[in-house]
Amino acid sequence: MPDNALTAPLATALDALAEAEGFTWTRDAHGNAYGWLRLAERDTLPEAARLLAEGGARLATVTAYDPVREPGVPRQEIAYHFDVHGTTLTVTVVLDPECPSVPSITPHFRNADWNEREFMEMYDIAVPGHPNPRRLFLDEKLDAGIMNTIIPLSTMTNGASTQNLWERILAARPGDKA
């Protein structure tokens, strides 16, 4: 557990998560603590988010990625990175490759809105319970999840995309030329 003082509600939340799912704390070479929680069931995510929100944790960012990075073996995970009074706690959810979905945590962390909408729009990951599932920036004529077809999630998230990506997306639109 991190050295910094935790609020009683947050300590209780972390204890509840540890009992329900189990997680580990690690330390880097400088002694900084990091929490790692891998949820066995994606449906437990809203409860974990509620406990963290009530304890005063802050959602820093959300990352969708492919942990395998093998062509033809699509897997997706989503990592929610929380600031727990100066310590990073990463909560990971494994998505079902046949029907990728993850419950929305926007009721507990409003700043999850943008990331969840991005997952829906670009990677066709369903986010049940999202209060505002409209697109962010891709043309409505493009199929949801087009990015998975055009460029693998792992390539996009590691920053390897270029102008070539947008040329391929535009070329994939019926009737359009790149």
N, C-alpha and C. Protein backbone atom coordinates (compact mmCIF):
# COMPACT_ATOMS: atom_id res chain seq x y z
N MET A 1 0.84 -1.17 0.00
CA MET A 1 0.00 0.00 0.00
C MET A 1 0.89 1.24 0.00
N PRO A 2 0.44 2.32 -0.62
CA PRO A 2 1.27 3.53 -0.67
C PRO A 2 1.53 4.09 0.72
N ASP A 3 2.65 4.84 0.83
CA ASP A 3 3.01 5.43 2.11
C ASP A 3 2.14 6.62 2.47
N ASN A 4 1.64 7.35 1.46
CA ASN A 4 0.88 8.55 1.76
C ASN A 4 -0.43 8.19 2.46
N ALA A 5 -0.91 9.09 3.26
CA ALA A 5 -2.12 8.83 4.05
C ALA A 5 -3.34 8.77 3.14
N LEU A 6 -4.14 7.74 3.31
CA LEU A 6 -5.38 7.60 2.56
C LEU A 6 -6.55 8.03 3.43
N THR A 7 -7.56 8.57 2.78
CA THR A 7 -8.77 8.88 3.53
C THR A 7 -9.41 7.57 3.97
N ALA A 8 -10.16 7.59 5.04
CA ALA A 8 -10.81 6.37 5.52
C ALA A 8 -11.72 5.77 4.46
N PRO A 9 -12.54 6.58 3.74
CA PRO A 9 -13.39 5.95 2.71
C PRO A 9 -12.58 5.30 1.59
N LEU A 10 -11.47 5.91 1.22
CA LEU A 10 -10.67 5.33 0.14
C LEU A 10 -9.96 4.06 0.61
N ALA A 11 -9.45 4.07 1.82
CA ALA A 11 -8.83 2.86 2.36
C ALA A 11 -9.86 1.73 2.41
N THR A 12 -11.09 2.05 2.81
CA THR A 12 -12.16 1.06 2.85
C THR A 12 -12.47 0.56 1.44
N ALA A 13 -12.50 1.47 0.47
CA ALA A 13 -12.77 1.08 -0.92
C ALA A 13 -11.69 0.15 -1.44
N LEU A 14 -10.43 0.47 -1.19
CA LEU A 14 -9.33 -0.38 -1.65
C LEU A 14 -9.38 -1.75 -0.97
N ASP A 15 -9.72 -1.76 0.30
CA ASP A 15 -9.85 -3.05 1.00
C ASP A 15 -10.96 -3.88 0.37
N ALA A 16 -12.10 -3.23 0.04
CA ALA A 16 -13.22 -3.95 -0.58
C ALA A 16 -12.83 -4.49 -1.94
N LEU A 17 -12.12 -3.70 -2.73
CA LEU A 17 -11.68 -4.16 -4.04
C LEU A 17 -10.68 -5.32 -3.91
N ALA A 18 -9.80 -5.22 -2.95
CA ALA A 18 -8.80 -6.28 -2.75
C ALA A 18 -9.49 -7.59 -2.38
N GLU A 19 -10.52 -7.51 -1.53
CA GLU A 19 -11.24 -8.72 -1.14
C GLU A 19 -12.03 -9.30 -2.31
N ALA A 20 -12.66 -8.41 -3.07
CA ALA A 20 -13.53 -8.87 -4.16
C ALA A 20 -12.72 -9.39 -5.34
N GLU A 21 -11.66 -8.73 -5.71
CA GLU A 21 -10.93 -9.05 -6.93
C GLU A 21 -9.47 -9.40 -6.67
N GLY A 22 -8.91 -8.81 -5.67
CA GLY A 22 -7.48 -8.97 -5.43
C GLY A 22 -6.68 -8.03 -6.30
N PHE A 23 -5.72 -7.39 -5.74
CA PHE A 23 -4.81 -6.57 -6.53
C PHE A 23 -3.47 -6.50 -5.83
N THR A 24 -2.49 -5.99 -6.54
CA THR A 24 -1.15 -5.93 -5.99
C THR A 24 -0.63 -4.50 -6.02
N TRP A 25 0.27 -4.25 -5.13
CA TRP A 25 1.02 -3.00 -5.13
C TRP A 25 2.44 -3.34 -5.54
N THR A 26 3.03 -2.50 -6.38
CA THR A 26 4.43 -2.66 -6.73
C THR A 26 5.12 -1.34 -6.45
N ARG A 27 6.43 -1.39 -6.41
CA ARG A 27 7.23 -0.17 -6.23
C ARG A 27 8.30 -0.13 -7.31
N ASP A 28 8.54 1.08 -7.80
CA ASP A 28 9.61 1.23 -8.79
C ASP A 28 10.94 1.42 -8.07
N ALA A 29 12.00 1.66 -8.83
CA ALA A 29 13.34 1.79 -8.28
C ALA A 29 13.47 2.97 -7.32
N HIS A 30 12.53 3.93 -7.42
CA HIS A 30 12.57 5.12 -6.56
C HIS A 30 11.65 4.99 -5.36
N GLY A 31 11.00 3.85 -5.21
CA GLY A 31 10.13 3.62 -4.07
C GLY A 31 8.69 4.08 -4.27
N ASN A 32 8.35 4.55 -5.49
CA ASN A 32 6.98 4.97 -5.75
C ASN A 32 6.07 3.75 -5.85
N ALA A 33 4.90 3.83 -5.22
CA ALA A 33 3.96 2.71 -5.23
C ALA A 33 2.99 2.84 -6.39
N TYR A 34 2.63 1.68 -6.97
CA TYR A 34 1.65 1.60 -8.05
C TYR A 34 0.72 0.43 -7.74
N GLY A 35 -0.59 0.70 -7.89
CA GLY A 35 -1.56 -0.35 -7.66
C GLY A 35 -2.03 -0.94 -8.98
N TRP A 36 -2.25 -2.25 -9.01
CA TRP A 36 -2.66 -2.96 -10.21
C TRP A 36 -3.85 -3.84 -9.86
N LEU A 37 -4.96 -3.58 -10.51
CA LEU A 37 -6.18 -4.36 -10.27
C LEU A 37 -6.70 -4.86 -11.60
N ARG A 38 -6.78 -6.16 -11.76
CA ARG A 38 -7.30 -6.77 -12.98
C ARG A 38 -8.65 -7.38 -12.62
N LEU A 39 -9.72 -6.78 -13.15
CA LEU A 39 -11.06 -7.26 -12.83
C LEU A 39 -11.35 -8.57 -13.54
N ALA A 40 -11.84 -9.53 -12.80
CA ALA A 40 -12.18 -10.83 -13.38
C ALA A 40 -13.44 -10.72 -14.24
N GLU A 41 -14.34 -9.83 -13.87
CA GLU A 41 -15.60 -9.63 -14.60
C GLU A 41 -15.75 -8.15 -14.93
N ARG A 42 -15.96 -7.84 -16.20
CA ARG A 42 -16.09 -6.43 -16.59
C ARG A 42 -17.31 -5.77 -15.95
N ASP A 43 -18.32 -6.57 -15.58
CA ASP A 43 -19.52 -6.00 -14.97
C ASP A 43 -19.29 -5.46 -13.57
N THR A 44 -18.12 -5.77 -12.97
CA THR A 44 -17.81 -5.23 -11.65
C THR A 44 -17.17 -3.84 -11.74
N LEU A 45 -16.88 -3.38 -12.95
CA LEU A 45 -16.23 -2.08 -13.12
C LEU A 45 -17.03 -0.93 -12.51
N PRO A 46 -18.34 -0.81 -12.75
CA PRO A 46 -19.06 0.32 -12.15
C PRO A 46 -18.99 0.34 -10.62
N GLU A 47 -19.02 -0.81 -9.99
CA GLU A 47 -18.91 -0.85 -8.53
C GLU A 47 -17.52 -0.42 -8.08
N ALA A 48 -16.49 -0.88 -8.79
CA ALA A 48 -15.13 -0.45 -8.46
C ALA A 48 -15.01 1.06 -8.64
N ALA A 49 -15.58 1.59 -9.73
CA ALA A 49 -15.53 3.04 -9.97
C ALA A 49 -16.27 3.80 -8.87
N ARG A 50 -17.42 3.28 -8.46
CA ARG A 50 -18.19 3.93 -7.38
C ARG A 50 -17.37 3.99 -6.10
N LEU A 51 -16.76 2.87 -5.74
CA LEU A 51 -15.95 2.83 -4.52
C LEU A 51 -14.78 3.82 -4.59
N LEU A 52 -14.13 3.87 -5.73
CA LEU A 52 -13.01 4.80 -5.89
C LEU A 52 -13.47 6.25 -5.85
N ALA A 53 -14.59 6.54 -6.52
CA ALA A 53 -15.11 7.92 -6.52
C ALA A 53 -15.50 8.36 -5.11
N GLU A 54 -16.19 7.49 -4.40
CA GLU A 54 -16.59 7.83 -3.03
C GLU A 54 -15.39 8.01 -2.12
N GLY A 55 -14.29 7.35 -2.45
CA GLY A 55 -13.08 7.48 -1.65
C GLY A 55 -12.22 8.67 -2.03
N GLY A 56 -12.62 9.40 -3.08
CA GLY A 56 -11.86 10.59 -3.46
C GLY A 56 -10.80 10.36 -4.51
N ALA A 57 -10.79 9.20 -5.15
CA ALA A 57 -9.84 8.97 -6.23
C ALA A 57 -10.22 9.84 -7.43
N ARG A 58 -9.27 10.07 -8.31
CA ARG A 58 -9.50 10.87 -9.51
C ARG A 58 -9.10 10.04 -10.73
N LEU A 59 -9.97 10.01 -11.75
CA LEU A 59 -9.65 9.32 -12.98
C LEU A 59 -8.69 10.20 -13.78
N ALA A 60 -7.49 9.69 -14.06
CA ALA A 60 -6.50 10.46 -14.79
C ALA A 60 -6.67 10.27 -16.29
N THR A 61 -6.76 9.03 -16.75
CA THR A 61 -6.95 8.75 -18.17
C THR A 61 -7.39 7.29 -18.33
N VAL A 62 -7.77 6.96 -19.55
CA VAL A 62 -8.20 5.60 -19.88
C VAL A 62 -7.48 5.19 -21.15
N THR A 63 -6.99 3.95 -21.20
CA THR A 63 -6.24 3.46 -22.34
C THR A 63 -6.84 2.16 -22.84
N ALA A 64 -7.18 2.11 -24.12
CA ALA A 64 -7.59 0.85 -24.75
C ALA A 64 -6.38 0.33 -25.52
N TYR A 65 -6.15 -0.97 -25.45
CA TYR A 65 -4.98 -1.51 -26.12
C TYR A 65 -5.18 -3.00 -26.41
N ASP A 66 -4.31 -3.52 -27.24
CA ASP A 66 -4.28 -4.94 -27.57
C ASP A 66 -3.05 -5.51 -26.88
N PRO A 67 -3.23 -6.34 -25.86
CA PRO A 67 -2.08 -6.84 -25.11
C PRO A 67 -1.27 -7.90 -25.85
N VAL A 68 -1.83 -8.49 -26.90
CA VAL A 68 -1.17 -9.58 -27.60
C VAL A 68 -0.40 -9.08 -28.81
N ARG A 69 -1.00 -8.19 -29.57
CA ARG A 69 -0.40 -7.60 -30.76
C ARG A 69 0.00 -8.65 -31.79
N GLU A 70 -0.85 -9.63 -31.98
CA GLU A 70 -0.63 -10.64 -33.01
C GLU A 70 -1.65 -10.43 -34.11
N PRO A 71 -1.21 -10.32 -35.36
CA PRO A 71 -2.18 -10.18 -36.44
C PRO A 71 -3.13 -11.38 -36.45
N GLY A 72 -4.41 -11.10 -36.59
CA GLY A 72 -5.41 -12.15 -36.63
C GLY A 72 -5.85 -12.65 -35.27
N VAL A 73 -5.27 -12.12 -34.20
CA VAL A 73 -5.67 -12.49 -32.84
C VAL A 73 -6.06 -11.21 -32.09
N PRO A 74 -7.21 -10.66 -32.46
CA PRO A 74 -7.60 -9.40 -31.82
C PRO A 74 -8.03 -9.61 -30.37
N ARG A 75 -7.39 -8.90 -29.50
CA ARG A 75 -7.79 -8.87 -28.09
C ARG A 75 -7.77 -7.42 -27.67
N GLN A 76 -8.68 -7.10 -26.81
CA GLN A 76 -8.71 -5.73 -26.33
C GLN A 76 -8.85 -5.71 -24.82
N GLU A 77 -8.14 -4.79 -24.23
CA GLU A 77 -8.25 -4.52 -22.80
C GLU A 77 -8.36 -3.02 -22.64
N ILE A 78 -8.98 -2.61 -21.56
CA ILE A 78 -9.06 -1.20 -21.24
C ILE A 78 -8.48 -1.02 -19.84
N ALA A 79 -7.56 -0.08 -19.73
CA ALA A 79 -6.93 0.23 -18.45
C ALA A 79 -7.38 1.62 -18.00
N TYR A 80 -7.95 1.68 -16.83
CA TYR A 80 -8.40 2.94 -16.22
C TYR A 80 -7.33 3.33 -15.20
N HIS A 81 -6.74 4.50 -15.40
CA HIS A 81 -5.64 4.96 -14.55
C HIS A 81 -6.18 6.01 -13.58
N PHE A 82 -6.15 5.67 -12.30
CA PHE A 82 -6.67 6.57 -11.26
C PHE A 82 -5.53 7.15 -10.45
N ASP A 83 -5.70 8.40 -10.03
CA ASP A 83 -4.80 9.02 -9.07
C ASP A 83 -5.45 8.82 -7.70
N VAL A 84 -4.75 8.09 -6.86
CA VAL A 84 -5.24 7.81 -5.51
C VAL A 84 -4.33 8.59 -4.56
N HIS A 85 -4.64 9.85 -4.37
CA HIS A 85 -3.87 10.73 -3.50
C HIS A 85 -2.37 10.66 -3.81
N GLY A 86 -2.05 10.80 -5.11
CA GLY A 86 -0.66 10.84 -5.54
C GLY A 86 -0.09 9.49 -5.96
N THR A 87 -0.85 8.44 -5.82
CA THR A 87 -0.40 7.11 -6.23
C THR A 87 -1.27 6.65 -7.39
N THR A 88 -0.67 6.03 -8.39
CA THR A 88 -1.42 5.54 -9.55
C THR A 88 -1.98 4.15 -9.28
N LEU A 89 -3.27 4.01 -9.50
CA LEU A 89 -3.94 2.71 -9.43
C LEU A 89 -4.50 2.44 -10.82
N THR A 90 -4.09 1.34 -11.44
CA THR A 90 -4.56 0.97 -12.77
C THR A 90 -5.53 -0.20 -12.63
N VAL A 91 -6.76 0.03 -13.10
CA VAL A 91 -7.79 -1.00 -13.09
C VAL A 91 -7.97 -1.47 -14.54
N THR A 92 -7.74 -2.76 -14.80
CA THR A 92 -7.80 -3.30 -16.15
C THR A 92 -9.01 -4.20 -16.33
N VAL A 93 -9.67 -4.04 -17.48
CA VAL A 93 -10.82 -4.85 -17.84
C VAL A 93 -10.51 -5.54 -19.16
N VAL A 94 -10.69 -6.86 -19.21
CA VAL A 94 -10.49 -7.63 -20.44
C VAL A 94 -11.83 -7.70 -21.17
N LEU A 95 -11.81 -7.39 -22.46
CA LEU A 95 -13.04 -7.39 -23.25
C LEU A 95 -13.23 -8.72 -23.96
N ASP A 96 -14.47 -9.12 -24.12
CA ASP A 96 -14.82 -10.32 -24.86
C ASP A 96 -14.58 -10.04 -26.34
N PRO A 97 -13.71 -10.82 -27.02
CA PRO A 97 -13.43 -10.53 -28.43
C PRO A 97 -14.64 -10.70 -29.34
N GLU A 98 -15.59 -11.52 -28.96
CA GLU A 98 -16.79 -11.73 -29.77
C GLU A 98 -17.78 -10.56 -29.65
N CYS A 99 -17.81 -9.94 -28.51
CA CYS A 99 -18.75 -8.85 -28.27
C CYS A 99 -18.09 -7.86 -27.31
N PRO A 100 -17.14 -7.05 -27.81
CA PRO A 100 -16.42 -6.14 -26.92
C PRO A 100 -17.32 -5.06 -26.33
N SER A 101 -17.42 -5.07 -25.02
CA SER A 101 -18.20 -4.04 -24.34
C SER A 101 -17.65 -3.86 -22.93
N VAL A 102 -17.90 -2.69 -22.40
CA VAL A 102 -17.50 -2.36 -21.04
C VAL A 102 -18.53 -1.36 -20.50
N PRO A 103 -19.01 -1.55 -19.27
CA PRO A 103 -20.00 -0.62 -18.73
C PRO A 103 -19.41 0.78 -18.54
N SER A 104 -20.24 1.77 -18.72
CA SER A 104 -19.80 3.15 -18.55
C SER A 104 -19.50 3.45 -17.08
N ILE A 105 -18.46 4.25 -16.87
CA ILE A 105 -18.18 4.74 -15.52
C ILE A 105 -18.45 6.25 -15.42
N THR A 106 -19.04 6.82 -16.47
CA THR A 106 -19.32 8.27 -16.43
C THR A 106 -20.24 8.68 -15.29
N PRO A 107 -21.13 7.82 -14.78
CA PRO A 107 -21.91 8.26 -13.62
C PRO A 107 -21.02 8.57 -12.41
N HIS A 108 -19.85 7.98 -12.35
CA HIS A 108 -18.94 8.19 -11.22
C HIS A 108 -17.77 9.11 -11.56
N PHE A 109 -17.37 9.09 -12.83
CA PHE A 109 -16.25 9.94 -13.28
C PHE A 109 -16.66 10.56 -14.62
N ARG A 110 -17.10 11.81 -14.57
CA ARG A 110 -17.59 12.49 -15.77
C ARG A 110 -16.52 12.59 -16.85
N ASN A 111 -15.27 12.65 -16.44
CA ASN A 111 -14.20 12.80 -17.43
C ASN A 111 -13.94 11.51 -18.22
N ALA A 112 -14.63 10.42 -17.93
CA ALA A 112 -14.52 9.20 -18.73
C ALA A 112 -15.32 9.34 -20.03
N ASP A 113 -16.14 10.37 -20.13
CA ASP A 113 -17.03 10.58 -21.28
C ASP A 113 -16.29 10.51 -22.62
N TRP A 114 -15.27 11.29 -22.76
CA TRP A 114 -14.55 11.39 -24.04
C TRP A 114 -13.95 10.05 -24.42
N ASN A 115 -13.24 9.40 -23.49
CA ASN A 115 -12.60 8.11 -23.78
C ASN A 115 -13.63 7.06 -24.17
N GLU A 116 -14.72 6.99 -23.44
CA GLU A 116 -15.75 5.99 -23.74
C GLU A 116 -16.38 6.24 -25.11
N ARG A 117 -16.61 7.48 -25.45
CA ARG A 117 -17.16 7.80 -26.77
C ARG A 117 -16.16 7.46 -27.87
N GLU A 118 -14.88 7.68 -27.61
CA GLU A 118 -13.84 7.30 -28.56
C GLU A 118 -13.84 5.79 -28.80
N PHE A 119 -13.97 5.00 -27.74
CA PHE A 119 -13.99 3.54 -27.87
C PHE A 119 -15.17 3.10 -28.72
N MET A 120 -16.33 3.73 -28.51
CA MET A 120 -17.52 3.37 -29.28
C MET A 120 -17.33 3.72 -30.75
N GLU A 121 -16.85 4.91 -31.00
CA GLU A 121 -16.75 5.43 -32.35
C GLU A 121 -15.63 4.78 -33.16
N MET A 122 -14.48 4.68 -32.59
CA MET A 122 -13.33 4.25 -33.36
C MET A 122 -13.06 2.76 -33.33
N TYR A 123 -13.48 2.09 -32.28
CA TYR A 123 -13.14 0.68 -32.13
C TYR A 123 -14.36 -0.22 -31.96
N ASP A 124 -15.55 0.34 -32.07
CA ASP A 124 -16.80 -0.42 -31.97
C ASP A 124 -16.89 -1.21 -30.67
N ILE A 125 -16.41 -0.62 -29.59
CA ILE A 125 -16.54 -1.20 -28.26
C ILE A 125 -17.82 -0.62 -27.67
N ALA A 126 -18.77 -1.48 -27.35
CA ALA A 126 -20.04 -1.02 -26.77
C ALA A 126 -19.79 -0.53 -25.34
N VAL A 127 -20.47 0.56 -24.99
CA VAL A 127 -20.35 1.11 -23.64
C VAL A 127 -21.77 1.31 -23.10
N PRO A 128 -22.40 0.23 -22.63
CA PRO A 128 -23.76 0.34 -22.09
C PRO A 128 -23.80 1.31 -20.91
N GLY A 129 -24.85 2.10 -20.89
CA GLY A 129 -25.04 3.05 -19.79
C GLY A 129 -24.40 4.40 -20.02
N HIS A 130 -23.76 4.59 -21.17
CA HIS A 130 -23.15 5.90 -21.44
C HIS A 130 -24.25 6.93 -21.67
N PRO A 131 -24.18 8.07 -21.01
CA PRO A 131 -25.27 9.05 -21.10
C PRO A 131 -25.33 9.84 -22.41
N ASN A 132 -24.25 9.83 -23.20
CA ASN A 132 -24.22 10.66 -24.41
C ASN A 132 -23.40 9.94 -25.48
N PRO A 133 -23.94 8.89 -26.10
CA PRO A 133 -23.14 8.07 -27.01
C PRO A 133 -22.94 8.60 -28.43
N ARG A 134 -23.13 9.90 -28.64
CA ARG A 134 -22.95 10.43 -29.99
C ARG A 134 -21.48 10.49 -30.36
N ARG A 135 -21.23 10.53 -31.65
CA ARG A 135 -19.85 10.56 -32.16
C ARG A 135 -19.13 11.84 -31.77
N LEU A 136 -17.82 11.71 -31.72
CA LEU A 136 -16.98 12.86 -31.39
C LEU A 136 -16.49 13.59 -32.62
N PHE A 137 -15.87 12.85 -33.56
CA PHE A 137 -15.26 13.55 -34.69
C PHE A 137 -15.27 12.79 -36.00
N LEU A 138 -15.52 11.50 -36.05
CA LEU A 138 -15.55 10.80 -37.33
C LEU A 138 -16.88 11.02 -38.03
N ASP A 139 -16.84 11.09 -39.33
CA ASP A 139 -18.03 11.27 -40.15
C ASP A 139 -19.03 10.16 -39.86
N GLU A 140 -20.31 10.52 -39.76
CA GLU A 140 -21.36 9.55 -39.48
C GLU A 140 -21.44 8.46 -40.56
N LYS A 141 -20.94 8.74 -41.75
CA LYS A 141 -21.00 7.76 -42.84
C LYS A 141 -20.01 6.61 -42.65
N LEU A 142 -19.00 6.83 -41.81
CA LEU A 142 -18.02 5.77 -41.55
C LEU A 142 -18.61 4.77 -40.56
N ASP A 143 -18.35 3.51 -40.80
CA ASP A 143 -18.83 2.48 -39.89
C ASP A 143 -18.16 2.61 -38.54
N ALA A 144 -18.92 2.32 -37.47
CA ALA A 144 -18.33 2.26 -36.14
C ALA A 144 -17.27 1.17 -36.16
N GLY A 145 -16.16 1.42 -35.51
CA GLY A 145 -15.09 0.44 -35.44
C GLY A 145 -14.19 0.41 -36.66
N ILE A 146 -14.33 1.41 -37.54
CA ILE A 146 -13.53 1.44 -38.77
C ILE A 146 -12.04 1.39 -38.47
N MET A 147 -11.64 1.95 -37.34
CA MET A 147 -10.22 1.99 -37.01
C MET A 147 -9.66 0.58 -36.80
N ASN A 148 -10.46 -0.34 -36.27
CA ASN A 148 -9.99 -1.71 -36.11
C ASN A 148 -9.73 -2.37 -37.45
N THR A 149 -10.48 -1.98 -38.48
CA THR A 149 -10.32 -2.54 -39.81
C THR A 149 -9.12 -1.91 -40.51
N ILE A 150 -8.98 -0.62 -40.36
CA ILE A 150 -7.95 0.13 -41.08
C ILE A 150 -6.58 -0.02 -40.43
N ILE A 151 -6.55 0.08 -39.12
CA ILE A 151 -5.28 0.05 -38.39
C ILE A 151 -5.51 -0.62 -37.05
N PRO A 152 -4.67 -1.56 -36.65
CA PRO A 152 -4.87 -2.25 -35.38
C PRO A 152 -4.84 -1.29 -34.20
N LEU A 153 -5.63 -1.59 -33.18
CA LEU A 153 -5.69 -0.76 -31.98
C LEU A 153 -4.31 -0.55 -31.38
N SER A 154 -3.50 -1.59 -31.32
CA SER A 154 -2.18 -1.45 -30.71
C SER A 154 -1.29 -0.49 -31.50
N THR A 155 -1.44 -0.46 -32.81
CA THR A 155 -0.65 0.46 -33.62
C THR A 155 -1.09 1.89 -33.39
N MET A 156 -2.41 2.10 -33.33
CA MET A 156 -2.94 3.45 -33.11
C MET A 156 -2.51 3.98 -31.74
N THR A 157 -2.61 3.15 -30.71
CA THR A 157 -2.32 3.63 -29.37
C THR A 157 -0.84 3.83 -29.11
N ASN A 158 0.02 3.23 -29.93
CA ASN A 158 1.45 3.47 -29.69
C ASN A 158 1.97 4.64 -30.53
N GLY A 159 1.08 5.35 -31.19
CA GLY A 159 1.46 6.56 -31.91
C GLY A 159 2.09 6.31 -33.26
N ALA A 160 1.94 5.11 -33.81
CA ALA A 160 2.57 4.78 -35.08
C ALA A 160 1.74 5.19 -36.29
N SER A 161 0.64 5.90 -36.08
CA SER A 161 -0.20 6.29 -37.20
C SER A 161 0.39 7.50 -37.92
N THR A 162 0.06 7.62 -39.21
CA THR A 162 0.58 8.71 -40.02
C THR A 162 -0.52 9.20 -40.95
N GLN A 163 -0.16 10.04 -41.89
CA GLN A 163 -1.09 10.50 -42.91
C GLN A 163 -1.66 9.32 -43.68
N ASN A 164 -0.86 8.27 -43.82
CA ASN A 164 -1.30 7.06 -44.51
C ASN A 164 -2.59 6.52 -43.89
N LEU A 165 -2.74 6.60 -42.58
CA LEU A 165 -3.95 6.13 -41.90
C LEU A 165 -5.17 6.83 -42.46
N TRP A 166 -5.14 8.15 -42.53
CA TRP A 166 -6.31 8.91 -42.98
C TRP A 166 -6.56 8.67 -44.46
N GLU A 167 -5.52 8.45 -45.23
CA GLU A 167 -5.73 8.11 -46.64
C GLU A 167 -6.46 6.77 -46.75
N ARG A 168 -6.10 5.81 -45.92
CA ARG A 168 -6.75 4.50 -45.94
C ARG A 168 -8.20 4.60 -45.47
N ILE A 169 -8.46 5.42 -44.47
CA ILE A 169 -9.84 5.59 -43.99
C ILE A 169 -10.71 6.20 -45.07
N LEU A 170 -10.21 7.25 -45.69
CA LEU A 170 -11.00 7.90 -46.75
C LEU A 170 -11.19 6.98 -47.94
N ALA A 171 -10.20 6.18 -48.26
CA ALA A 171 -10.31 5.25 -49.37
C ALA A 171 -11.35 4.15 -49.08
N ALA A 172 -11.56 3.86 -47.80
CA ALA A 172 -12.51 2.81 -47.40
C ALA A 172 -13.96 3.28 -47.51
N ARG A 173 -14.18 4.58 -47.62
CA ARG A 173 -15.55 5.11 -47.73
C ARG A 173 -16.08 4.85 -49.13
N PRO A 174 -17.26 4.28 -49.23
CA PRO A 174 -17.86 4.04 -50.56
C PRO A 174 -17.99 5.35 -51.34
N GLY A 175 -17.53 5.33 -52.57
CA GLY A 175 -17.68 6.49 -53.46
C GLY A 175 -16.61 7.54 -53.28
N ASP A 176 -15.75 7.43 -52.27
CA ASP A 176 -14.69 8.42 -52.05
C ASP A 176 -13.37 7.90 -52.59
N LYS A 177 -12.52 8.81 -53.00
CA LYS A 177 -11.17 8.50 -53.45
C LYS A 177 -10.19 9.16 -52.50
N ALA A 178 -9.13 8.47 -52.20
CA ALA A 178 -8.10 9.04 -51.29
C ALA A 178 -7.23 10.00 -52.07
